Amino acid sequence: MTDTFEYKGTVYDVTWQSKDTRHGGPFDRGSADSYYRRGANPHYYEGKTRLSPMVSKEEMTDEEIKAYYAGYEYNETVVMDFKEW
């Protein structure tokens, strides 16, 4: 695996705890929704997941929404790690 992931012309740093993959951020929430097979529902948290206010799709910028979908796609096509129920 590489340290970056390109999605729709934007390159994301996918190294552990990077600015792009921070816990609770759009990319992280997208990859988590893919991991748990929840389906895509753009959102993120201002800080840590469930310990800070959640930002809904209606409140997200286009770039934040894109980062969410990038995280979702990253798990779906590169990591391919899914919760075993």
Protein backbone atom coordinates (compact mmCIF):
# COMPACT_ATOMS: atom_id res chain seq x y z
CA MET A 1 0.00 0.00 0.00
CA THR A 2 1.13 3.54 -0.66
CA ASP A 3 1.02 6.54 1.67
CA THR A 4 -1.38 8.43 -0.57
CA PHE A 5 -4.74 7.84 -2.23
CA GLU A 6 -6.02 9.87 -5.17
CA TYR A 7 -9.75 10.43 -5.51
CA LYS A 8 -11.29 12.66 -8.18
CA GLY A 9 -8.11 14.68 -8.61
CA THR A 10 -7.31 15.16 -4.92
CA VAL A 11 -4.45 13.31 -3.24
CA TYR A 12 -5.04 12.27 0.38
CA ASP A 13 -2.30 11.40 2.87
CA VAL A 14 -3.40 8.02 4.24
CA THR A 15 -0.59 7.59 6.76
CA TRP A 16 -1.60 6.95 10.36
CA GLN A 17 -3.00 10.07 12.07
CA SER A 18 -2.37 12.40 9.15
CA LYS A 19 -4.38 15.57 8.71
CA ASP A 20 -6.52 13.75 6.13
CA THR A 21 -7.17 10.61 8.19
CA ARG A 22 -7.64 12.11 11.64
CA HIS A 23 -10.11 10.25 13.87
CA GLY A 24 -13.55 11.72 13.41
CA GLY A 25 -12.72 13.59 10.20
CA PRO A 26 -14.58 13.16 6.90
CA PHE A 27 -12.12 10.67 5.37
CA ASP A 28 -12.09 8.61 8.59
CA ARG A 29 -15.89 8.55 8.84
CA GLY A 30 -16.19 7.46 5.20
CA SER A 31 -13.76 4.61 5.69
CA ALA A 32 -15.52 3.59 8.93
CA ASP A 33 -18.94 3.52 7.26
CA SER A 34 -17.49 1.29 4.54
CA TYR A 35 -15.80 -0.96 7.14
CA TYR A 36 -19.08 -1.46 9.01
CA ARG A 37 -21.06 -1.76 5.73
CA ARG A 38 -23.36 1.08 6.78
CA GLY A 39 -23.62 2.63 3.34
CA ALA A 40 -22.49 6.12 2.44
CA ASN A 41 -23.90 8.90 4.62
CA PRO A 42 -21.53 11.89 4.62
CA HIS A 43 -20.83 13.36 8.06
CA TYR A 44 -17.90 13.95 10.38
CA TYR A 45 -17.11 15.11 13.89
CA GLU A 46 -15.45 18.39 14.83
CA GLY A 47 -13.14 16.47 17.15
CA LYS A 48 -13.11 12.85 18.18
CA THR A 49 -15.92 10.57 17.02
CA ARG A 50 -19.00 10.76 19.26
CA LEU A 51 -17.12 12.93 21.76
CA SER A 52 -17.62 16.16 19.84
CA PRO A 53 -20.37 17.76 17.75
CA MET A 54 -21.28 15.94 14.54
CA VAL A 55 -21.39 17.85 11.25
CA SER A 56 -24.10 16.60 8.87
CA LYS A 57 -23.93 16.53 5.08
CA GLU A 58 -26.05 19.69 4.89
CA GLU A 59 -23.39 21.55 6.90
CA MET A 60 -20.36 20.13 5.04
CA THR A 61 -18.38 21.86 2.32
CA ASP A 62 -17.95 20.24 -1.08
CA GLU A 63 -14.34 19.36 -0.17
CA GLU A 64 -15.43 17.72 3.11
CA ILE A 65 -18.06 15.66 1.27
CA LYS A 66 -15.45 14.65 -1.29
CA ALA A 67 -13.06 13.61 1.52
CA TYR A 68 -15.82 11.49 3.06
CA TYR A 69 -16.42 9.68 -0.25
CA ALA A 70 -12.66 9.33 -0.72
CA GLY A 71 -12.40 7.53 2.62
CA TYR A 72 -15.32 5.31 1.70
CA GLU A 73 -13.77 4.46 -1.67
CA TYR A 74 -10.33 3.93 -0.12
CA ASN A 75 -11.65 1.19 2.13
CA GLU A 76 -13.83 -0.31 -0.62
CA THR A 77 -11.06 -0.57 -3.23
CA VAL A 78 -7.66 -0.47 -1.51
CA VAL A 79 -7.88 -1.62 2.10
CA MET A 80 -10.90 -3.91 1.60
CA ASP A 81 -11.24 -4.45 5.36
CA PHE A 82 -14.79 -5.13 6.49
CA LYS A 83 -16.34 -6.01 9.84
CA GLU A 84 -17.06 -9.71 10.21
CA TRP A 85 -20.42 -10.01 11.93
